[in-house]
Protein backbone atom coordinates (compact mmCIF):
# COMPACT_ATOMS: atom_id res chain seq x y z
CA MET A 1 -26.25 145.79 20.11
CA THR A 2 -27.28 148.27 22.92
CA SER A 3 -30.25 150.45 22.24
CA ILE A 4 -31.17 153.84 23.62
CA ARG A 5 -33.96 151.96 25.12
CA ASP A 6 -31.78 149.67 26.97
CA VAL A 7 -29.54 152.43 28.44
CA LEU A 8 -32.50 154.45 29.56
CA GLY A 9 -34.00 151.42 31.01
CA ASP A 10 -30.89 150.63 33.14
CA SER A 11 -30.39 154.24 34.41
CA LEU A 12 -34.14 154.58 35.05
CA ALA A 13 -34.24 151.17 36.72
CA VAL A 14 -37.45 150.11 34.89
CA SER A 15 -39.29 147.39 36.79
CA GLU A 16 -37.18 147.83 39.84
CA ARG A 17 -38.76 148.52 43.29
CA PHE A 18 -37.64 150.91 45.82
CA ARG A 19 -38.75 152.34 49.23
CA LEU A 20 -39.44 156.09 48.61
CA SER A 21 -40.49 159.12 50.38
CA LEU A 22 -43.22 160.93 48.36
CA ALA A 23 -44.15 164.56 48.19
CA GLU A 24 -47.13 166.51 46.39
CA ARG A 25 -45.95 168.62 43.57
CA ASP A 26 -48.01 170.34 41.08
CA GLY A 27 -50.81 168.00 42.17
CA ARG A 28 -48.84 164.83 41.72
CA LEU A 29 -47.07 162.41 44.18
CA VAL A 30 -43.45 162.47 43.28
CA ALA A 31 -40.25 161.21 44.53
CA ASP A 32 -36.44 161.76 43.90
CA HIS A 33 -35.14 158.89 41.71
CA PRO A 34 -32.84 156.82 43.86
CA ASN A 35 -30.42 156.18 41.07
CA GLU A 36 -28.15 159.25 40.58
CA ALA A 37 -27.69 158.47 36.94
CA SER A 38 -31.32 158.92 36.19
CA PRO A 39 -32.42 161.88 34.27
CA LEU A 40 -35.87 161.70 35.47
CA ASP A 41 -37.64 161.86 38.82
CA ILE A 42 -40.54 159.47 39.51
CA ALA A 43 -44.34 160.46 39.28
CA VAL A 44 -46.45 157.87 41.25
CA VAL A 45 -49.53 157.31 39.01
CA GLU A 46 -50.86 153.96 39.96
CA GLY A 47 -51.77 152.22 43.22
CA LEU A 48 -52.71 155.49 44.80
CA ASP A 49 -55.70 153.82 46.03
CA ARG A 50 -53.31 151.74 48.49
CA LEU A 51 -52.39 154.90 50.43
CA GLU A 52 -54.12 155.94 53.62
CA GLU A 53 -52.58 159.46 53.35
CA ARG A 54 -51.72 161.58 50.40
CA PRO A 55 -48.78 162.04 50.77
CA PRO A 56 -47.96 159.16 53.11
CA ALA A 57 -46.02 160.17 56.23
CA GLU A 58 -43.66 157.13 55.70
CA PRO A 59 -41.69 155.85 52.72
CA VAL A 60 -43.78 153.37 50.54
CA THR A 61 -42.57 150.73 48.09
CA VAL A 62 -42.75 152.06 44.31
CA GLU A 63 -42.23 150.07 41.13
CA ILE A 64 -40.76 151.99 38.42
CA LEU A 65 -42.89 151.64 35.13
CA GLY A 66 -41.57 151.96 31.52
CA ARG A 67 -43.38 155.13 30.62
CA THR A 68 -43.20 158.85 31.36
CA VAL A 69 -45.65 161.32 32.79
CA ASP A 70 -45.25 165.01 32.91
CA GLY A 71 -41.57 164.74 32.18
CA ARG A 72 -41.06 162.12 34.88
CA VAL A 73 -40.68 158.41 34.94
CA ALA A 74 -44.04 156.82 35.94
CA GLY A 75 -44.29 154.75 39.18
CA ARG A 76 -46.90 152.72 41.01
CA VAL A 77 -47.45 151.88 44.77
CA VAL A 78 -47.02 148.14 45.18
CA ASP A 79 -46.93 147.87 48.92
CA PRO A 80 -47.28 150.91 51.13
CA ASP A 81 -46.54 148.71 54.29
CA ARG A 82 -43.47 146.68 53.30
CA ASN A 83 -40.30 147.76 55.10
CA GLY A 84 -37.23 147.89 52.91
CA THR A 85 -36.33 147.62 49.35
CA ALA A 86 -38.55 144.92 47.49
């Protein structure tokens, strides 16, 4: 049986990693969700200490977490220097 959590997990891409450009909005680093089916954008809330600049000039690798923050799905910086999608 498919649950709401399963459906949202797929569209939000929980645990997936993406190379994303970040911008600062309302005091948070955010990114557009790369999955067009996602109802939420991404708020990067973990791994910020890995960034040299805020917001970084270049895209960084972000992992999607299984919770929301301020109406966005949470994410964490996992490797600011890695090229391409993890």
